[in-house]
N, C-alpha and C. Protein backbone atom coordinates (compact mmCIF):
# COMPACT_ATOMS: atom_id res chain seq x y z
N MET A 1 0.82 -1.20 0.00
CA MET A 1 0.00 0.00 0.00
C MET A 1 0.86 1.25 0.00
N TYR A 2 2.01 1.21 0.65
CA TYR A 2 2.83 2.41 0.78
C TYR A 2 3.96 2.45 -0.23
N SER A 3 4.08 1.47 -1.10
CA SER A 3 5.18 1.43 -2.05
C SER A 3 4.89 2.25 -3.30
N ASP A 4 3.78 2.96 -3.33
CA ASP A 4 3.40 3.70 -4.53
C ASP A 4 3.75 5.19 -4.45
N GLY A 5 4.63 5.56 -3.56
CA GLY A 5 5.01 6.96 -3.44
C GLY A 5 4.24 7.69 -2.36
N SER A 6 3.43 6.99 -1.59
CA SER A 6 2.67 7.62 -0.52
C SER A 6 3.60 7.99 0.63
N ALA A 7 3.24 9.03 1.34
CA ALA A 7 4.00 9.45 2.50
C ALA A 7 3.21 9.11 3.76
N LEU A 8 3.84 8.39 4.67
CA LEU A 8 3.22 7.98 5.92
C LEU A 8 3.84 8.79 7.05
N GLU A 9 3.00 9.50 7.78
CA GLU A 9 3.47 10.38 8.85
C GLU A 9 2.97 9.86 10.19
N GLN A 10 3.86 9.66 11.15
CA GLN A 10 3.47 9.29 12.50
C GLN A 10 2.93 10.53 13.21
N LEU A 11 1.89 10.37 14.00
CA LEU A 11 1.24 11.51 14.65
C LEU A 11 1.48 11.50 16.16
N PRO A 12 1.69 12.69 16.75
CA PRO A 12 1.85 12.77 18.21
C PRO A 12 0.51 12.54 18.91
N ARG A 13 0.56 12.24 20.19
CA ARG A 13 -0.62 11.91 20.99
C ARG A 13 -1.72 12.97 20.91
N ASP A 14 -1.36 14.25 21.04
CA ASP A 14 -2.40 15.29 21.02
C ASP A 14 -3.11 15.35 19.67
N GLU A 15 -2.40 15.11 18.58
CA GLU A 15 -3.02 15.08 17.26
C GLU A 15 -3.91 13.85 17.11
N CYS A 16 -3.48 12.73 17.66
CA CYS A 16 -4.32 11.52 17.64
C CYS A 16 -5.65 11.78 18.33
N LEU A 17 -5.61 12.40 19.50
CA LEU A 17 -6.84 12.69 20.24
C LEU A 17 -7.71 13.69 19.50
N ARG A 18 -7.10 14.69 18.87
CA ARG A 18 -7.87 15.67 18.11
C ARG A 18 -8.57 15.00 16.94
N LEU A 19 -7.89 14.14 16.23
CA LEU A 19 -8.50 13.44 15.10
C LEU A 19 -9.60 12.49 15.56
N MET A 20 -9.36 11.78 16.65
CA MET A 20 -10.40 10.89 17.18
C MET A 20 -11.66 11.66 17.53
N ALA A 21 -11.50 12.84 18.09
CA ALA A 21 -12.65 13.65 18.48
C ALA A 21 -13.43 14.18 17.28
N SER A 22 -12.83 14.12 16.09
CA SER A 22 -13.50 14.64 14.89
C SER A 22 -14.45 13.64 14.24
N VAL A 23 -14.48 12.40 14.74
CA VAL A 23 -15.38 11.38 14.21
C VAL A 23 -16.19 10.79 15.37
N SER A 24 -17.28 10.11 15.05
CA SER A 24 -18.12 9.57 16.11
C SER A 24 -18.26 8.06 16.06
N VAL A 25 -17.59 7.42 15.11
CA VAL A 25 -17.69 5.97 14.97
C VAL A 25 -16.29 5.37 14.92
N GLY A 26 -16.13 4.25 15.59
CA GLY A 26 -14.86 3.53 15.59
C GLY A 26 -15.10 2.04 15.73
N ARG A 27 -14.03 1.30 15.84
CA ARG A 27 -14.10 -0.15 15.98
C ARG A 27 -13.41 -0.56 17.27
N ILE A 28 -14.11 -1.35 18.07
CA ILE A 28 -13.50 -1.90 19.27
C ILE A 28 -13.11 -3.34 18.95
N ILE A 29 -11.90 -3.69 19.32
CA ILE A 29 -11.38 -5.03 19.08
C ILE A 29 -11.14 -5.65 20.46
N TYR A 30 -11.79 -6.77 20.71
CA TYR A 30 -11.71 -7.41 22.02
C TYR A 30 -11.77 -8.93 21.84
N THR A 31 -11.71 -9.66 22.92
CA THR A 31 -11.76 -11.11 22.87
C THR A 31 -13.14 -11.59 23.29
N ARG A 32 -13.72 -12.44 22.43
CA ARG A 32 -15.02 -13.06 22.74
C ARG A 32 -14.87 -14.56 22.52
N ARG A 33 -15.08 -15.32 23.58
CA ARG A 33 -14.96 -16.77 23.52
C ARG A 33 -13.59 -17.19 22.99
N ALA A 34 -12.56 -16.52 23.48
CA ALA A 34 -11.15 -16.79 23.16
C ALA A 34 -10.77 -16.49 21.72
N LEU A 35 -11.61 -15.74 21.02
CA LEU A 35 -11.32 -15.35 19.63
C LEU A 35 -11.40 -13.83 19.49
N PRO A 36 -10.68 -13.26 18.53
CA PRO A 36 -10.77 -11.81 18.32
C PRO A 36 -12.15 -11.45 17.76
N ALA A 37 -12.69 -10.35 18.27
CA ALA A 37 -13.98 -9.84 17.81
C ALA A 37 -13.84 -8.35 17.54
N VAL A 38 -14.55 -7.87 16.54
CA VAL A 38 -14.54 -6.45 16.17
C VAL A 38 -15.98 -5.98 16.09
N GLU A 39 -16.26 -4.86 16.73
CA GLU A 39 -17.60 -4.27 16.70
C GLU A 39 -17.49 -2.81 16.28
N LEU A 40 -18.37 -2.41 15.39
CA LEU A 40 -18.47 -1.00 15.02
C LEU A 40 -19.34 -0.32 16.07
N VAL A 41 -18.84 0.75 16.68
CA VAL A 41 -19.56 1.44 17.75
C VAL A 41 -19.43 2.95 17.58
N ASN A 42 -20.42 3.66 18.08
CA ASN A 42 -20.23 5.10 18.19
C ASN A 42 -19.65 5.37 19.57
N PHE A 43 -18.93 6.49 19.69
CA PHE A 43 -18.17 6.76 20.91
C PHE A 43 -18.02 8.26 21.09
N ALA A 44 -17.51 8.62 22.25
CA ALA A 44 -17.12 10.00 22.54
C ALA A 44 -15.83 9.95 23.35
N LEU A 45 -15.11 11.05 23.35
CA LEU A 45 -13.92 11.16 24.19
C LEU A 45 -14.27 11.94 25.45
N ASP A 46 -13.71 11.51 26.56
CA ASP A 46 -13.92 12.17 27.84
C ASP A 46 -12.58 12.25 28.54
N HIS A 47 -11.98 13.42 28.55
CA HIS A 47 -10.67 13.63 29.18
C HIS A 47 -9.64 12.64 28.67
N GLY A 48 -9.65 12.39 27.35
CA GLY A 48 -8.67 11.50 26.73
C GLY A 48 -9.05 10.03 26.76
N ASP A 49 -10.15 9.69 27.45
CA ASP A 49 -10.62 8.31 27.48
C ASP A 49 -11.72 8.13 26.45
N ILE A 50 -11.86 6.91 25.94
CA ILE A 50 -12.89 6.56 24.97
C ILE A 50 -14.10 6.05 25.75
N ILE A 51 -15.27 6.60 25.44
CA ILE A 51 -16.51 6.21 26.12
C ILE A 51 -17.44 5.58 25.11
N ILE A 52 -17.94 4.39 25.45
CA ILE A 52 -18.91 3.69 24.61
C ILE A 52 -20.15 3.47 25.46
N ARG A 53 -21.31 3.72 24.86
CA ARG A 53 -22.58 3.52 25.55
C ARG A 53 -23.24 2.28 24.93
N THR A 54 -23.59 1.31 25.77
CA THR A 54 -24.09 0.05 25.25
C THR A 54 -25.14 -0.54 26.17
N ASP A 55 -25.65 -1.68 25.80
CA ASP A 55 -26.60 -2.46 26.58
C ASP A 55 -25.82 -3.22 27.65
N GLY A 56 -26.19 -3.06 28.90
CA GLY A 56 -25.47 -3.70 30.00
C GLY A 56 -25.48 -5.21 29.95
N GLY A 57 -26.46 -5.81 29.29
CA GLY A 57 -26.53 -7.26 29.22
C GLY A 57 -25.97 -7.83 27.94
N GLY A 58 -25.43 -6.99 27.08
CA GLY A 58 -24.94 -7.45 25.77
C GLY A 58 -23.58 -8.10 25.83
N LYS A 59 -23.21 -8.73 24.71
CA LYS A 59 -21.93 -9.43 24.60
C LYS A 59 -20.76 -8.47 24.74
N LEU A 60 -20.89 -7.29 24.14
CA LEU A 60 -19.79 -6.32 24.19
C LEU A 60 -19.51 -5.89 25.63
N ALA A 61 -20.56 -5.60 26.39
CA ALA A 61 -20.37 -5.17 27.77
C ALA A 61 -19.71 -6.26 28.60
N ALA A 62 -20.15 -7.49 28.44
CA ALA A 62 -19.59 -8.59 29.20
C ALA A 62 -18.15 -8.88 28.81
N ALA A 63 -17.84 -8.78 27.54
CA ALA A 63 -16.52 -9.16 27.04
C ALA A 63 -15.45 -8.12 27.33
N THR A 64 -15.83 -6.89 27.60
CA THR A 64 -14.82 -5.84 27.75
C THR A 64 -14.61 -5.39 29.19
N GLN A 65 -15.23 -6.03 30.14
CA GLN A 65 -15.03 -5.62 31.53
C GLN A 65 -13.64 -6.00 32.00
N HIS A 66 -12.87 -4.99 32.34
CA HIS A 66 -11.50 -5.16 32.86
C HIS A 66 -10.63 -5.99 31.92
N SER A 67 -10.73 -5.70 30.64
CA SER A 67 -9.94 -6.38 29.62
C SER A 67 -9.07 -5.36 28.91
N VAL A 68 -8.01 -5.83 28.32
CA VAL A 68 -7.23 -4.98 27.43
C VAL A 68 -7.87 -5.09 26.06
N VAL A 69 -8.19 -3.94 25.47
CA VAL A 69 -8.84 -3.90 24.17
C VAL A 69 -8.08 -2.94 23.26
N ALA A 70 -8.39 -3.03 21.99
CA ALA A 70 -7.88 -2.06 21.02
C ALA A 70 -9.09 -1.31 20.49
N PHE A 71 -8.85 -0.08 20.06
CA PHE A 71 -9.91 0.75 19.51
C PHE A 71 -9.31 1.50 18.33
N GLU A 72 -10.03 1.55 17.21
CA GLU A 72 -9.48 2.17 16.00
C GLU A 72 -10.51 3.10 15.38
N THR A 73 -10.04 4.25 14.97
CA THR A 73 -10.85 5.21 14.21
C THR A 73 -10.05 5.63 13.00
N ASP A 74 -10.76 6.08 11.98
CA ASP A 74 -10.05 6.55 10.79
C ASP A 74 -10.96 7.44 9.95
N ARG A 75 -10.35 8.08 9.01
CA ARG A 75 -11.06 8.83 7.97
C ARG A 75 -10.21 8.71 6.72
N LEU A 76 -10.85 8.25 5.65
CA LEU A 76 -10.14 8.06 4.39
C LEU A 76 -10.79 8.89 3.30
N GLU A 77 -9.98 9.44 2.44
CA GLU A 77 -10.43 10.17 1.26
C GLU A 77 -9.81 9.46 0.06
N GLU A 78 -10.52 8.44 -0.42
CA GLU A 78 -9.96 7.58 -1.47
C GLU A 78 -9.63 8.35 -2.73
N ASP A 79 -10.46 9.30 -3.12
CA ASP A 79 -10.19 10.04 -4.36
C ASP A 79 -8.90 10.85 -4.28
N GLN A 80 -8.50 11.22 -3.07
CA GLN A 80 -7.25 11.97 -2.88
C GLN A 80 -6.11 11.09 -2.38
N GLN A 81 -6.39 9.81 -2.20
CA GLN A 81 -5.42 8.86 -1.65
C GLN A 81 -4.78 9.41 -0.38
N ALA A 82 -5.65 9.84 0.53
CA ALA A 82 -5.19 10.43 1.78
C ALA A 82 -6.12 10.01 2.91
N GLY A 83 -5.64 10.17 4.11
CA GLY A 83 -6.47 9.88 5.26
C GLY A 83 -5.62 9.70 6.50
N TRP A 84 -6.26 9.24 7.56
CA TRP A 84 -5.56 9.00 8.80
C TRP A 84 -6.20 7.83 9.52
N SER A 85 -5.43 7.26 10.44
CA SER A 85 -5.90 6.15 11.26
C SER A 85 -5.27 6.29 12.64
N VAL A 86 -6.07 6.09 13.68
CA VAL A 86 -5.57 6.13 15.05
C VAL A 86 -5.99 4.84 15.74
N THR A 87 -5.04 4.19 16.39
CA THR A 87 -5.31 2.99 17.17
C THR A 87 -4.93 3.23 18.62
N ALA A 88 -5.85 2.90 19.52
CA ALA A 88 -5.62 3.02 20.96
C ALA A 88 -5.67 1.62 21.56
N ILE A 89 -4.78 1.37 22.51
CA ILE A 89 -4.79 0.10 23.24
C ILE A 89 -4.78 0.44 24.72
N GLY A 90 -5.71 -0.19 25.45
CA GLY A 90 -5.77 0.10 26.87
C GLY A 90 -6.80 -0.75 27.58
N GLN A 91 -6.86 -0.53 28.88
CA GLN A 91 -7.77 -1.25 29.75
C GLN A 91 -9.19 -0.71 29.60
N SER A 92 -10.14 -1.61 29.50
CA SER A 92 -11.55 -1.19 29.48
C SER A 92 -12.16 -1.51 30.84
N ARG A 93 -13.11 -0.70 31.23
CA ARG A 93 -13.80 -0.97 32.49
C ARG A 93 -15.21 -0.39 32.44
N GLU A 94 -16.06 -1.02 33.17
CA GLU A 94 -17.44 -0.57 33.29
C GLU A 94 -17.47 0.66 34.20
N VAL A 95 -18.24 1.66 33.83
CA VAL A 95 -18.42 2.83 34.67
C VAL A 95 -19.53 2.49 35.66
N THR A 96 -19.22 2.55 36.96
CA THR A 96 -20.20 2.15 37.97
C THR A 96 -20.58 3.29 38.91
N ASP A 97 -19.78 4.34 38.98
CA ASP A 97 -20.07 5.46 39.88
C ASP A 97 -21.30 6.21 39.40
N PRO A 98 -22.37 6.31 40.24
CA PRO A 98 -23.60 6.97 39.81
C PRO A 98 -23.41 8.42 39.35
N ALA A 99 -22.53 9.15 40.01
CA ALA A 99 -22.28 10.54 39.61
C ALA A 99 -21.63 10.60 38.23
N GLU A 100 -20.68 9.71 37.99
CA GLU A 100 -20.03 9.69 36.68
C GLU A 100 -20.99 9.24 35.59
N ILE A 101 -21.84 8.26 35.89
CA ILE A 101 -22.84 7.83 34.92
C ILE A 101 -23.77 8.99 34.59
N GLY A 102 -24.21 9.72 35.60
CA GLY A 102 -25.07 10.89 35.36
C GLY A 102 -24.39 11.92 34.48
N ARG A 103 -23.11 12.16 34.71
CA ARG A 103 -22.37 13.12 33.88
C ARG A 103 -22.24 12.61 32.45
N LEU A 104 -21.92 11.32 32.28
CA LEU A 104 -21.76 10.76 30.94
C LEU A 104 -23.08 10.74 30.17
N GLN A 105 -24.19 10.60 30.87
CA GLN A 105 -25.49 10.63 30.20
C GLN A 105 -25.77 11.98 29.55
N LYS A 106 -25.04 13.01 29.97
CA LYS A 106 -25.25 14.36 29.46
C LYS A 106 -24.25 14.80 28.40
N ILE A 107 -23.31 13.93 28.00
CA ILE A 107 -22.30 14.36 27.03
C ILE A 107 -22.77 14.23 25.59
N GLY A 108 -23.99 13.73 25.40
CA GLY A 108 -24.54 13.67 24.05
C GLY A 108 -24.24 12.39 23.30
N LEU A 109 -23.72 11.39 23.97
CA LEU A 109 -23.41 10.12 23.33
C LEU A 109 -24.65 9.25 23.33
N THR A 110 -25.11 8.90 22.14
CA THR A 110 -26.25 8.00 22.01
C THR A 110 -25.81 6.79 21.21
N SER A 111 -26.52 5.70 21.39
CA SER A 111 -26.22 4.49 20.64
C SER A 111 -27.09 4.44 19.41
N TRP A 112 -26.54 4.00 18.30
CA TRP A 112 -27.32 3.87 17.07
C TRP A 112 -28.22 2.63 17.11
N ALA A 113 -27.85 1.65 17.93
CA ALA A 113 -28.64 0.43 18.02
C ALA A 113 -29.90 0.70 18.83
N SER A 114 -30.95 -0.06 18.52
CA SER A 114 -32.20 0.11 19.26
C SER A 114 -32.07 -0.52 20.64
N GLY A 115 -32.94 -0.11 21.53
CA GLY A 115 -32.95 -0.66 22.88
C GLY A 115 -32.43 0.34 23.89
N VAL A 116 -32.37 -0.12 25.12
CA VAL A 116 -31.92 0.71 26.24
C VAL A 116 -30.40 0.56 26.36
N HIS A 117 -29.72 1.69 26.38
CA HIS A 117 -28.25 1.69 26.45
C HIS A 117 -27.79 2.62 27.57
N GLU A 118 -27.87 2.12 28.78
CA GLU A 118 -27.49 2.92 29.94
C GLU A 118 -26.20 2.42 30.58
N HIS A 119 -25.47 1.60 29.87
CA HIS A 119 -24.22 1.03 30.34
C HIS A 119 -23.07 1.76 29.64
N PHE A 120 -22.09 2.21 30.40
CA PHE A 120 -20.96 2.91 29.81
C PHE A 120 -19.68 2.12 30.03
N ILE A 121 -18.87 2.06 28.98
CA ILE A 121 -17.55 1.45 29.03
C ILE A 121 -16.54 2.55 28.81
N ARG A 122 -15.52 2.58 29.65
CA ARG A 122 -14.43 3.56 29.54
C ARG A 122 -13.16 2.82 29.16
N ILE A 123 -12.51 3.28 28.11
CA ILE A 123 -11.22 2.73 27.70
C ILE A 123 -10.17 3.82 27.89
N SER A 124 -9.17 3.51 28.69
CA SER A 124 -8.08 4.46 28.96
C SER A 124 -6.89 4.06 28.11
N PRO A 125 -6.61 4.82 27.04
CA PRO A 125 -5.50 4.45 26.14
C PRO A 125 -4.14 4.53 26.83
N GLU A 126 -3.44 3.41 26.85
CA GLU A 126 -2.07 3.39 27.33
C GLU A 126 -1.11 3.56 26.15
N ILE A 127 -1.51 3.02 25.00
CA ILE A 127 -0.75 3.17 23.77
C ILE A 127 -1.67 3.86 22.76
N LEU A 128 -1.18 4.90 22.15
CA LEU A 128 -1.95 5.64 21.14
C LEU A 128 -1.04 5.83 19.94
N ASN A 129 -1.44 5.25 18.82
CA ASN A 129 -0.61 5.27 17.62
C ASN A 129 -1.44 5.85 16.46
N GLY A 130 -0.96 6.91 15.88
CA GLY A 130 -1.66 7.53 14.77
C GLY A 130 -0.78 7.69 13.56
N ARG A 131 -1.41 7.55 12.40
CA ARG A 131 -0.70 7.72 11.12
C ARG A 131 -1.55 8.51 10.16
N ARG A 132 -0.89 9.37 9.42
CA ARG A 132 -1.55 10.11 8.35
C ARG A 132 -0.91 9.66 7.04
N LEU A 133 -1.74 9.39 6.07
CA LEU A 133 -1.28 8.96 4.75
C LEU A 133 -1.61 10.04 3.75
N ARG A 134 -0.61 10.46 3.01
CA ARG A 134 -0.80 11.44 1.93
C ARG A 134 -0.09 10.92 0.70
N ALA A 135 -0.80 10.89 -0.41
CA ALA A 135 -0.16 10.46 -1.65
C ALA A 135 0.81 11.54 -2.08
N SER A 136 1.96 11.12 -2.54
CA SER A 136 2.91 12.09 -3.09
C SER A 136 2.50 12.40 -4.51
N SER A 137 3.30 13.14 -5.22
CA SER A 137 2.94 13.53 -6.58
C SER A 137 2.67 12.29 -7.43
N PRO A 138 1.67 12.39 -8.30
CA PRO A 138 1.31 11.21 -9.09
C PRO A 138 2.46 10.75 -9.97
N GLN A 139 2.57 9.43 -10.12
CA GLN A 139 3.61 8.86 -10.96
C GLN A 139 3.00 8.48 -12.30
N THR A 140 3.76 8.64 -13.33
CA THR A 140 3.33 8.15 -14.63
C THR A 140 3.61 6.66 -14.68
N PRO A 141 2.95 5.90 -15.56
CA PRO A 141 3.21 4.46 -15.61
C PRO A 141 4.70 4.13 -15.78
N ALA A 142 5.44 4.94 -16.52
CA ALA A 142 6.87 4.67 -16.73
C ALA A 142 7.66 4.88 -15.44
N ASP A 143 7.16 5.76 -14.53
CA ASP A 143 7.86 6.03 -13.27
C ASP A 143 7.58 4.96 -12.24
N HIS A 144 6.49 4.23 -12.39
CA HIS A 144 6.10 3.25 -11.37
C HIS A 144 7.08 2.09 -11.38
N PRO A 145 7.59 1.67 -10.21
CA PRO A 145 8.63 0.64 -10.17
C PRO A 145 8.18 -0.72 -10.70
N HIS A 146 6.86 -0.97 -10.75
CA HIS A 146 6.38 -2.26 -11.21
C HIS A 146 5.83 -2.21 -12.62
N SER A 147 6.01 -1.10 -13.31
CA SER A 147 5.46 -0.99 -14.66
C SER A 147 6.41 -1.63 -15.68
N VAL A 148 5.86 -2.01 -16.77
CA VAL A 148 6.64 -2.60 -17.87
C VAL A 148 6.60 -1.63 -19.05
N ALA A 149 7.75 -1.21 -19.50
CA ALA A 149 7.80 -0.29 -20.63
C ALA A 149 7.53 -1.06 -21.92
N SER A 150 6.77 -0.43 -22.83
CA SER A 150 6.50 -1.13 -24.08
C SER A 150 7.46 -0.72 -25.16
């Protein structure tokens, strides 16, 4: 993917958090029944932590309690061959403090799935890795390293 002249830029933590805050959907990667599982979820950031609102009795809530999980967000602009991706890895935990739950209920995070979603999961990123991809100047077929000249 990167051998076509694209430029890959590593992003500092503050830029990763800024980019994550610019989108509302990401993917949580966790273990379910000893296998990797990925769920598309909407989320919000709260003081640098990732907050997910879900059903307290669901598989996601049960599988992520006090587990190490990964979380990924991105934005791609295929027509410009550009975009960014941020991956966070950290401990997930159920929010149980009534005052904190009350505060999180007011941050505007809603679940797209139907049903009651009064359960909050907090992920505290210990590792935050971000990359920005920008295509460099377009190459002609003769310039491309894998092209065959006629």
